[in-house]
């Protein structure tokens, strides 16, 4: 789904903490990522956090990360940890994984 290749594509692994489960966070994150034409995935963690992998153009990734800092209505994000990583390029869309 990402339209650019090479140096234009940025990828991040992100951990979102707070009240982020049971509030529609994963499906809202998927909607926001698809709207920005990002690829990757989002999943709940056993400890109550949400993990995200996203890749795409830097501007779109930055906008998505900004959205993650607030999340959907009902969420209360207390911390967002970012780690830039190498793009995997195996993701063609953005999915909710279990």
PDB file of N, CA and C in Angstrom:
ATOM      1  N   UNK A   1       0.821  -1.192   0.000  1.00  0.00           N
ATOM      2  CA  UNK A   1       0.000   0.000   0.000  1.00  0.00           C
ATOM      3  C   UNK A   1       0.859   1.248   0.000  1.00  0.00           C
ATOM      4  N   UNK A   2       2.062   1.162   0.548  1.00  0.00           N
ATOM      5  CA  UNK A   2       2.916   2.339   0.511  1.00  0.00           C
ATOM      6  C   UNK A   2       3.303   2.631  -0.920  1.00  0.00           C
ATOM      7  N   UNK A   3       3.309   3.904  -1.279  1.00  0.00           N
ATOM      8  CA  UNK A   3       3.500   4.297  -2.656  1.00  0.00           C
ATOM      9  C   UNK A   3       4.952   4.585  -3.002  1.00  0.00           C
ATOM     10  N   UNK A   4       5.788   4.828  -2.034  1.00  0.00           N
ATOM     11  CA  UNK A   4       7.175   5.178  -2.302  1.00  0.00           C
ATOM     12  C   UNK A   4       8.070   4.042  -1.851  1.00  0.00           C
ATOM     13  N   UNK A   5       9.262   4.013  -2.384  1.00  0.00           N
ATOM     14  CA  UNK A   5      10.209   2.969  -2.027  1.00  0.00           C
ATOM     15  C   UNK A   5      11.535   3.594  -1.627  1.00  0.00           C
ATOM     16  N   UNK A   6      12.418   2.744  -1.137  1.00  0.00           N
ATOM     17  CA  UNK A   6      13.767   3.201  -0.810  1.00  0.00           C
ATOM     18  C   UNK A   6      13.798   4.117   0.391  1.00  0.00           C
ATOM     19  N   UNK A   7      14.574   5.213   0.270  1.00  0.00           N
ATOM     20  CA  UNK A   7      14.788   6.116   1.384  1.00  0.00           C
ATOM     21  C   UNK A   7      13.543   6.895   1.770  1.00  0.00           C
ATOM     22  N   UNK A   8      12.544   6.959   0.892  1.00  0.00           N
ATOM     23  CA  UNK A   8      11.327   7.705   1.188  1.00  0.00           C
ATOM     24  C   UNK A   8      10.444   6.991   2.210  1.00  0.00           C
ATOM     25  N   UNK A   9      10.615   5.681   2.356  1.00  0.00           N
ATOM     26  CA  UNK A   9       9.782   4.890   3.262  1.00  0.00           C
ATOM     27  C   UNK A   9      10.440   4.829   4.631  1.00  0.00           C
ATOM     28  N   UNK A  10       9.672   5.194   5.658  1.00  0.00           N
ATOM     29  CA  UNK A  10      10.128   5.113   7.040  1.00  0.00           C
ATOM     30  C   UNK A  10       9.274   4.085   7.769  1.00  0.00           C
ATOM     31  N   UNK A  11       9.849   3.430   8.743  1.00  0.00           N
ATOM     32  CA  UNK A  11       9.121   2.417   9.504  1.00  0.00           C
ATOM     33  C   UNK A  11       9.390   2.589  10.993  1.00  0.00           C
ATOM     34  N   UNK A  12       8.351   2.331  11.782  1.00  0.00           N
ATOM     35  CA  UNK A  12       8.461   2.451  13.236  1.00  0.00           C
ATOM     36  C   UNK A  12       7.737   1.309  13.921  1.00  0.00           C
ATOM     37  N   UNK A  13       8.300   0.876  15.024  1.00  0.00           N
ATOM     38  CA  UNK A  13       7.601   0.011  15.975  1.00  0.00           C
ATOM     39  C   UNK A  13       7.222   0.937  17.118  1.00  0.00           C
ATOM     40  N   UNK A  14       5.963   0.853  17.504  1.00  0.00           N
ATOM     41  CA  UNK A  14       5.419   1.803  18.469  1.00  0.00           C
ATOM     42  C   UNK A  14       4.681   1.039  19.557  1.00  0.00           C
ATOM     43  N   UNK A  15       4.855   1.467  20.784  1.00  0.00           N
ATOM     44  CA  UNK A  15       4.122   0.905  21.932  1.00  0.00           C
ATOM     45  C   UNK A  15       3.318   2.042  22.533  1.00  0.00           C
ATOM     46  N   UNK A  16       2.010   1.837  22.619  1.00  0.00           N
ATOM     47  CA  UNK A  16       1.102   2.845  23.155  1.00  0.00           C
ATOM     48  C   UNK A  16       0.557   2.322  24.477  1.00  0.00           C
ATOM     49  N   UNK A  17       0.709   3.126  25.531  1.00  0.00           N
ATOM     50  CA  UNK A  17       0.270   2.716  26.862  1.00  0.00           C
ATOM     51  C   UNK A  17      -0.817   3.642  27.373  1.00  0.00           C
ATOM     52  N   UNK A  18      -1.570   3.150  28.341  1.00  0.00           N
ATOM     53  CA  UNK A  18      -2.665   3.903  28.941  1.00  0.00           C
ATOM     54  C   UNK A  18      -3.950   3.103  28.830  1.00  0.00           C
ATOM     55  N   UNK A  19      -5.068   3.800  28.773  1.00  0.00           N
ATOM     56  CA  UNK A  19      -6.360   3.130  28.571  1.00  0.00           C
ATOM     57  C   UNK A  19      -6.568   3.012  27.061  1.00  0.00           C
ATOM     58  N   UNK A  20      -5.993   1.955  26.486  1.00  0.00           N
ATOM     59  CA  UNK A  20      -5.987   1.799  25.038  1.00  0.00           C
ATOM     60  C   UNK A  20      -6.597   0.474  24.580  1.00  0.00           C
ATOM     61  N   UNK A  21      -7.083  -0.309  25.520  1.00  0.00           N
ATOM     62  CA  UNK A  21      -7.799  -1.529  25.154  1.00  0.00           C
ATOM     63  C   UNK A  21      -9.247  -1.386  25.605  1.00  0.00           C
ATOM     64  N   UNK A  22     -10.154  -1.957  24.826  1.00  0.00           N
ATOM     65  CA  UNK A  22     -11.579  -1.884  25.154  1.00  0.00           C
ATOM     66  C   UNK A  22     -12.220  -0.567  24.750  1.00  0.00           C
ATOM     67  N   UNK A  23     -11.523   0.226  23.932  1.00  0.00           N
ATOM     68  CA  UNK A  23     -12.045   1.534  23.508  1.00  0.00           C
ATOM     69  C   UNK A  23     -12.036   1.678  21.979  1.00  0.00           C
ATOM     70  N   UNK A  24     -11.837   0.562  21.268  1.00  0.00           N
ATOM     71  CA  UNK A  24     -11.803   0.603  19.809  1.00  0.00           C
ATOM     72  C   UNK A  24     -10.505   1.129  19.236  1.00  0.00           C
ATOM     73  N   UNK A  25      -9.443   1.085  20.008  1.00  0.00           N
ATOM     74  CA  UNK A  25      -8.173   1.671  19.581  1.00  0.00           C
ATOM     75  C   UNK A  25      -7.630   0.994  18.327  1.00  0.00           C
ATOM     76  N   UNK A  26      -7.609  -0.343  18.308  1.00  0.00           N
ATOM     77  CA  UNK A  26      -7.011  -1.044  17.167  1.00  0.00           C
ATOM     78  C   UNK A  26      -7.735  -0.740  15.857  1.00  0.00           C
ATOM     79  N   UNK A  27      -9.050  -0.795  15.884  1.00  0.00           N
ATOM     80  CA  UNK A  27      -9.802  -0.576  14.647  1.00  0.00           C
ATOM     81  C   UNK A  27      -9.758   0.888  14.213  1.00  0.00           C
ATOM     82  N   UNK A  28      -9.727   1.785  15.181  1.00  0.00           N
ATOM     83  CA  UNK A  28      -9.566   3.209  14.848  1.00  0.00           C
ATOM     84  C   UNK A  28      -8.176   3.466  14.276  1.00  0.00           C
ATOM     85  N   UNK A  29      -7.159   2.816  14.848  1.00  0.00           N
ATOM     86  CA  UNK A  29      -5.792   2.966  14.340  1.00  0.00           C
ATOM     87  C   UNK A  29      -5.696   2.425  12.921  1.00  0.00           C
ATOM     88  N   UNK A  30      -6.351   1.301  12.663  1.00  0.00           N
ATOM     89  CA  UNK A  30      -6.351   0.749  11.303  1.00  0.00           C
ATOM     90  C   UNK A  30      -6.980   1.741  10.329  1.00  0.00           C
ATOM     91  N   UNK A  31      -8.113   2.310  10.713  1.00  0.00           N
ATOM     92  CA  UNK A  31      -8.789   3.293   9.861  1.00  0.00           C
ATOM     93  C   UNK A  31      -7.867   4.480   9.567  1.00  0.00           C
ATOM     94  N   UNK A  32      -7.214   5.005  10.604  1.00  0.00           N
ATOM     95  CA  UNK A  32      -6.323   6.155  10.434  1.00  0.00           C
ATOM     96  C   UNK A  32      -5.121   5.806   9.553  1.00  0.00           C
ATOM     97  N   UNK A  33      -4.573   4.617   9.732  1.00  0.00           N
ATOM     98  CA  UNK A  33      -3.420   4.193   8.927  1.00  0.00           C
ATOM     99  C   UNK A  33      -3.815   4.025   7.460  1.00  0.00           C
ATOM    100  N   UNK A  34      -4.946   3.401   7.209  1.00  0.00           N
ATOM    101  CA  UNK A  34      -5.398   3.208   5.828  1.00  0.00           C
ATOM    102  C   UNK A  34      -5.699   4.551   5.162  1.00  0.00           C
ATOM    103  N   UNK A  35      -6.264   5.465   5.941  1.00  0.00           N
ATOM    104  CA  UNK A  35      -6.559   6.799   5.411  1.00  0.00           C
ATOM    105  C   UNK A  35      -5.282   7.498   4.943  1.00  0.00           C
ATOM    106  N   UNK A  36      -4.184   7.182   5.617  1.00  0.00           N
ATOM    107  CA  UNK A  36      -2.889   7.792   5.278  1.00  0.00           C
ATOM    108  C   UNK A  36      -2.055   6.914   4.343  1.00  0.00           C
ATOM    109  N   UNK A  37      -2.659   5.814   3.875  1.00  0.00           N
ATOM    110  CA  UNK A  37      -2.001   4.884   2.947  1.00  0.00           C
ATOM    111  C   UNK A  37      -0.735   4.264   3.547  1.00  0.00           C
ATOM    112  N   UNK A  38      -0.793   3.932   4.830  1.00  0.00           N
ATOM    113  CA  UNK A  38       0.315   3.263   5.503  1.00  0.00           C
ATOM    114  C   UNK A  38       0.099   1.758   5.484  1.00  0.00           C
ATOM    115  N   UNK A  39       1.163   1.019   5.641  1.00  0.00           N
ATOM    116  CA  UNK A  39       1.104  -0.433   5.758  1.00  0.00           C
ATOM    117  C   UNK A  39       1.608  -0.816   7.142  1.00  0.00           C
ATOM    118  N   UNK A  40       1.200  -2.000   7.607  1.00  0.00           N
ATOM    119  CA  UNK A  40       1.658  -2.493   8.897  1.00  0.00           C
ATOM    120  C   UNK A  40       0.572  -3.225   9.646  1.00  0.00           C
ATOM    121  N   UNK A  41       0.629  -3.118  10.976  1.00  0.00           N
ATOM    122  CA  UNK A  41      -0.331  -3.835  11.808  1.00  0.00           C
ATOM    123  C   UNK A  41      -0.456  -3.174  13.181  1.00  0.00           C
ATOM    124  N   UNK A  42      -1.506  -3.567  13.898  1.00  0.00           N
ATOM    125  CA  UNK A  42      -1.737  -3.124  15.277  1.00  0.00           C
ATOM    126  C   UNK A  42      -2.264  -4.326  16.057  1.00  0.00           C
ATOM    127  N   UNK A  43      -1.842  -4.461  17.313  1.00  0.00           N
ATOM    128  CA  UNK A  43      -2.330  -5.574  18.142  1.00  0.00           C
ATOM    129  C   UNK A  43      -2.338  -5.183  19.616  1.00  0.00           C
ATOM    130  N   UNK A  44      -3.212  -5.835  20.367  1.00  0.00           N
ATOM    131  CA  UNK A  44      -3.234  -5.691  21.819  1.00  0.00           C
ATOM    132  C   UNK A  44      -2.129  -6.541  22.421  1.00  0.00           C
ATOM    133  N   UNK A  45      -1.561  -6.060  23.509  1.00  0.00           N
ATOM    134  CA  UNK A  45      -0.576  -6.826  24.269  1.00  0.00           C
ATOM    135  C   UNK A  45      -1.212  -7.317  25.564  1.00  0.00           C
ATOM    136  N   UNK A  46      -0.673  -8.388  26.124  1.00  0.00           N
ATOM    137  CA  UNK A  46      -1.218  -8.970  27.348  1.00  0.00           C
ATOM    138  C   UNK A  46      -1.163  -8.014  28.535  1.00  0.00           C
ATOM    139  N   UNK A  47      -0.227  -7.064  28.512  1.00  0.00           N
ATOM    140  CA  UNK A  47      -0.069  -6.148  29.647  1.00  0.00           C
ATOM    141  C   UNK A  47      -0.961  -4.905  29.550  1.00  0.00           C
ATOM    142  N   UNK A  48      -1.849  -4.851  28.543  1.00  0.00           N
ATOM    143  CA  UNK A  48      -2.772  -3.725  28.414  1.00  0.00           C
ATOM    144  C   UNK A  48      -2.332  -2.659  27.425  1.00  0.00           C
ATOM    145  N   UNK A  49      -1.133  -2.771  26.890  1.00  0.00           N
ATOM    146  CA  UNK A  49      -0.638  -1.819  25.897  1.00  0.00           C
ATOM    147  C   UNK A  49      -1.099  -2.243  24.503  1.00  0.00           C
ATOM    148  N   UNK A  50      -0.852  -1.385  23.532  1.00  0.00           N
ATOM    149  CA  UNK A  50      -1.093  -1.684  22.129  1.00  0.00           C
ATOM    150  C   UNK A  50       0.235  -1.517  21.396  1.00  0.00           C
ATOM    151  N   UNK A  51       0.581  -2.496  20.548  1.00  0.00           N
ATOM    152  CA  UNK A  51       1.780  -2.418  19.728  1.00  0.00           C
ATOM    153  C   UNK A  51       1.381  -2.133  18.290  1.00  0.00           C
ATOM    154  N   UNK A  52       2.216  -1.353  17.627  1.00  0.00           N
ATOM    155  CA  UNK A  52       1.954  -0.944  16.250  1.00  0.00           C
ATOM    156  C   UNK A  52       3.250  -1.059  15.453  1.00  0.00           C
ATOM    157  N   UNK A  53       3.133  -1.546  14.223  1.00  0.00           N
ATOM    158  CA  UNK A  53       4.212  -1.434  13.249  1.00  0.00           C
ATOM    159  C   UNK A  53       3.619  -0.686  12.067  1.00  0.00           C
ATOM    160  N   UNK A  54       4.275   0.384  11.638  1.00  0.00           N
ATOM    161  CA  UNK A  54       3.784   1.117  10.468  1.00  0.00           C
ATOM    162  C   UNK A  54       4.940   1.513   9.584  1.00  0.00           C
ATOM    163  N   UNK A  55       4.657   1.578   8.280  1.00  0.00           N
ATOM    164  CA  UNK A  55       5.657   2.028   7.326  1.00  0.00           C
ATOM    165  C   UNK A  55       4.972   2.821   6.230  1.00  0.00           C
ATOM    166  N   UNK A  56       5.699   3.802   5.730  1.00  0.00           N
ATOM    167  CA  UNK A  56       5.184   4.648   4.669  1.00  0.00           C
ATOM    168  C   UNK A  56       5.989   5.923   4.579  1.00  0.00           C
ATOM    169  N   UNK A  57       5.520   6.876   3.782  1.00  0.00           N
ATOM    170  CA  UNK A  57       6.208   8.166   3.667  1.00  0.00           C
ATOM    171  C   UNK A  57       6.276   8.874   5.021  1.00  0.00           C
ATOM    172  N   UNK A  58       7.399   9.535   5.307  1.00  0.00           N
ATOM    173  CA  UNK A  58       7.621  10.158   6.617  1.00  0.00           C
ATOM    174  C   UNK A  58       6.475  11.065   7.053  1.00  0.00           C
ATOM    175  N   UNK A  59       5.965  11.894   6.160  1.00  0.00           N
ATOM    176  CA  UNK A  59       4.899  12.823   6.527  1.00  0.00           C
ATOM    177  C   UNK A  59       3.642  12.071   6.981  1.00  0.00           C
ATOM    178  N   UNK A  60       3.290  10.995   6.294  1.00  0.00           N
ATOM    179  CA  UNK A  60       2.119  10.208   6.670  1.00  0.00           C
ATOM    180  C   UNK A  60       2.349   9.476   7.989  1.00  0.00           C
ATOM    181  N   UNK A  61       3.561   8.946   8.166  1.00  0.00           N
ATOM    182  CA  UNK A  61       3.900   8.261   9.412  1.00  0.00           C
ATOM    183  C   UNK A  61       3.843   9.250  10.578  1.00  0.00           C
ATOM    184  N   UNK A  62       4.385  10.439  10.399  1.00  0.00           N
ATOM    185  CA  UNK A  62       4.355  11.451  11.458  1.00  0.00           C
ATOM    186  C   UNK A  62       2.918  11.814  11.843  1.00  0.00           C
ATOM    187  N   UNK A  63       2.045  11.965  10.855  1.00  0.00           N
ATOM    188  CA  UNK A  63       0.641  12.293  11.133  1.00  0.00           C
ATOM    189  C   UNK A  63      -0.036  11.157  11.893  1.00  0.00           C
ATOM    190  N   UNK A  64       0.274   9.911  11.533  1.00  0.00           N
ATOM    191  CA  UNK A  64      -0.291   8.756  12.218  1.00  0.00           C
ATOM    192  C   UNK A  64       0.199   8.685  13.660  1.00  0.00           C
ATOM    193  N   UNK A  65       1.483   8.911  13.873  1.00  0.00           N
ATOM    194  CA  UNK A  65       2.037   8.905  15.230  1.00  0.00           C
ATOM    195  C   UNK A  65       1.384  10.004  16.065  1.00  0.00           C
ATOM    196  N   UNK A  66       1.151  11.142  15.477  1.00  0.00           N
ATOM    197  CA  UNK A  66       0.463  12.223  16.180  1.00  0.00           C
ATOM    198  C   UNK A  66      -0.929  11.768  16.611  1.00  0.00           C
ATOM    199  N   UNK A  67      -1.633  11.074  15.732  1.00  0.00           N
ATOM    200  CA  UNK A  67      -2.961  10.558  16.082  1.00  0.00           C
ATOM    201  C   UNK A  67      -2.850   9.543  17.216  1.00  0.00           C
ATOM    202  N   UNK A  68      -1.837   8.669  17.180  1.00  0.00           N
ATOM    203  CA  UNK A  68      -1.665   7.655  18.224  1.00  0.00           C
ATOM    204  C   UNK A  68      -1.485   8.279  19.602  1.00  0.00           C
ATOM    205  N   UNK A  69      -0.952   9.473  19.674  1.00  0.00           N
ATOM    206  CA  UNK A  69      -0.716  10.127  20.966  1.00  0.00           C
ATOM    207  C   UNK A  69      -2.023  10.486  21.684  1.00  0.00           C
ATOM    208  N   UNK A  70      -3.132  10.509  20.943  1.00  0.00           N
ATOM    209  CA  UNK A  70      -4.450  10.781  21.531  1.00  0.00           C
ATOM    210  C   UNK A  70      -5.368   9.577  21.398  1.00  0.00           C
ATOM    211  N   UNK A  71      -5.381   8.964  20.221  1.00  0.00           N
ATOM    212  CA  UNK A  71      -6.238   7.810  19.977  1.00  0.00           C
ATOM    213  C   UNK A  71      -7.683   8.203  19.786  1.00  0.00           C
ATOM    214  N   UNK A  72      -8.562   7.207  19.784  1.00  0.00           N
ATOM    215  CA  UNK A  72      -9.987   7.464  19.562  1.00  0.00           C
ATOM    216  C   UNK A  72     -10.660   8.004  20.825  1.00  0.00           C
ATOM    217  N   UNK A  73     -11.899   8.497  20.696  1.00  0.00           N
ATOM    218  CA  UNK A  73     -12.636   8.910  21.894  1.00  0.00           C
ATOM    219  C   UNK A  73     -12.713   7.743  22.883  1.00  0.00           C
ATOM    220  N   UNK A  74     -12.535   8.017  24.131  1.00  0.00           N
ATOM    221  CA  UNK A  74     -12.563   6.984  25.163  1.00  0.00           C
ATOM    222  C   UNK A  74     -11.183   6.496  25.561  1.00  0.00           C
ATOM    223  N   UNK A  75     -10.198   6.702  24.714  1.00  0.00           N
ATOM    224  CA  UNK A  75      -8.829   6.294  25.051  1.00  0.00           C
ATOM    225  C   UNK A  75      -8.181   7.367  25.917  1.00  0.00           C
ATOM    226  N   UNK A  76      -7.228   6.939  26.711  1.00  0.00           N
ATOM    227  CA  UNK A  76      -6.417   7.865  27.495  1.00  0.00           C
ATOM    228  C   UNK A  76      -4.972   7.399  27.374  1.00  0.00           C
ATOM    229  N   UNK A  77      -4.263   7.962  26.417  1.00  0.00           N
ATOM    230  CA  UNK A  77      -2.878   7.573  26.146  1.00  0.00           C
ATOM    231  C   UNK A  77      -1.968   8.256  27.160  1.00  0.00           C
ATOM    232  N   UNK A  78      -1.146   7.459  27.837  1.00  0.00           N
ATOM    233  CA  UNK A  78      -0.222   8.011  28.825  1.00  0.00           C
ATOM    234  C   UNK A  78       1.227   7.999  28.339  1.00  0.00           C
ATOM    235  N   UNK A  79       1.539   7.129  27.371  1.00  0.00           N
ATOM    236  CA  UNK A  79       2.916   7.062  26.877  1.00  0.00           C
ATOM    237  C   UNK A  79       2.935   6.440  25.479  1.00  0.00           C
ATOM    238  N   UNK A  80       3.794   6.971  24.633  1.00  0.00           N
ATOM    239  CA  UNK A  80       4.022   6.430  23.294  1.00  0.00           C
ATOM    240  C   UNK A  80       5.525   6.282  23.121  1.00  0.00           C
ATOM    241  N   UNK A  81       5.972   5.053  22.940  1.00  0.00           N
ATOM    242  CA  UNK A  81       7.395   4.766  22.739  1.00  0.00           C
ATOM    243  C   UNK A  81       7.624   4.414  21.280  1.00  0.00           C
ATOM    244  N   UNK A  82       8.557   5.122  20.642  1.00  0.00           N
ATOM    245  CA  UNK A  82       8.853   4.935  19.225  1.00  0.00           C
ATOM    246  C   UNK A  82      10.228   4.326  19.049  1.00  0.00           C
ATOM    247  N   UNK A  83      10.318   3.423  18.085  1.00  0.00           N
ATOM    248  CA  UNK A  83      11.632   2.895  17.699  1.00  0.00           C
ATOM    249  C   UNK A  83      11.644   2.789  16.182  1.00  0.00           C
ATOM    250  N   UNK A  84      12.479   3.603  15.536  1.00  0.00           N
ATOM    251  CA  UNK A  84      12.583   3.518  14.087  1.00  0.00           C
ATOM    252  C   UNK A  84      13.262   2.203  13.727  1.00  0.00           C
ATOM    253  N   UNK A  85      12.785   1.582  12.669  1.00  0.00           N
ATOM    254  CA  UNK A  85      13.300   0.293  12.249  1.00  0.00           C
ATOM    255  C   UNK A  85      13.397   0.256  10.729  1.00  0.00           C
ATOM    256  N   UNK A  86      13.937  -0.800  10.217  1.00  0.00           N
ATOM    257  CA  UNK A  86      14.056  -0.960   8.764  1.00  0.00           C
ATOM    258  C   UNK A  86      12.686  -1.356   8.205  1.00  0.00           C
ATOM    259  N   UNK A  87      12.249  -0.742   7.108  1.00  0.00           N
ATOM    260  CA  UNK A  87      10.970  -1.146   6.496  1.00  0.00           C
ATOM    261  C   UNK A  87      11.009  -2.616   6.098  1.00  0.00           C
ATOM    262  N   UNK A  88       9.918  -3.313   6.395  1.00  0.00           N
ATOM    263  CA  UNK A  88       9.826  -4.734   6.076  1.00  0.00           C
ATOM    264  C   UNK A  88       9.374  -4.959   4.642  1.00  0.00           C
ATOM    265  N   UNK A  89       8.605  -4.024   4.098  1.00  0.00           N
ATOM    266  CA  UNK A  89       8.119  -4.082   2.720  1.00  0.00           C
ATOM    267  C   UNK A  89       7.291  -5.315   2.397  1.00  0.00           C
ATOM    268  N   UNK A  90       6.998  -6.146   3.380  1.00  0.00           N
ATOM    269  CA  UNK A  90       6.158  -7.323   3.142  1.00  0.00           C
ATOM    270  C   UNK A  90       4.682  -7.029   3.393  1.00  0.00           C
ATOM    271  N   UNK A  91       4.396  -5.868   3.968  1.00  0.00           N
ATOM    272  CA  UNK A  91       3.019  -5.496   4.277  1.00  0.00           C
ATOM    273  C   UNK A  91       2.428  -4.710   3.111  1.00  0.00           C
ATOM    274  N   UNK A  92       1.279  -5.151   2.653  1.00  0.00           N
ATOM    275  CA  UNK A  92       0.611  -4.471   1.532  1.00  0.00           C
ATOM    276  C   UNK A  92      -0.543  -3.610   2.012  1.00  0.00           C
ATOM    277  N   UNK A  93      -0.984  -3.818   3.245  1.00  0.00           N
ATOM    278  CA  UNK A  93      -2.091  -3.062   3.817  1.00  0.00           C
ATOM    279  C   UNK A  93      -1.834  -2.913   5.307  1.00  0.00           C
ATOM    280  N   UNK A  94      -2.789  -2.376   6.038  1.00  0.00           N
ATOM    281  CA  UNK A  94      -2.665  -2.222   7.485  1.00  0.00           C
ATOM    282  C   UNK A  94      -3.729  -3.101   8.130  1.00  0.00           C
ATOM    283  N   UNK A  95      -3.320  -3.986   9.028  1.00  0.00           N
ATOM    284  CA  UNK A  95      -4.214  -4.994   9.587  1.00  0.00           C
ATOM    285  C   UNK A  95      -4.252  -4.953  11.105  1.00  0.00           C
ATOM    286  N   UNK A  96      -5.352  -5.442  11.645  1.00  0.00           N
ATOM    287  CA  UNK A  96      -5.468  -5.738  13.068  1.00  0.00           C
ATOM    288  C   UNK A  96      -5.051  -7.195  13.210  1.00  0.00           C
ATOM    289  N   UNK A  97      -4.044  -7.449  14.046  1.00  0.00           N
ATOM    290  CA  UNK A  97      -3.592  -8.828  14.264  1.00  0.00           C
ATOM    291  C   UNK A  97      -3.898  -9.242  15.692  1.00  0.00           C
ATOM    292  N   UNK A  98      -4.005 -10.534  15.876  1.00  0.00           N
ATOM    293  CA  UNK A  98      -4.367 -11.081  17.183  1.00  0.00           C
ATOM    294  C   UNK A  98      -3.301 -11.999  17.703  1.00  0.00           C
TER     295      UNK A  98
END
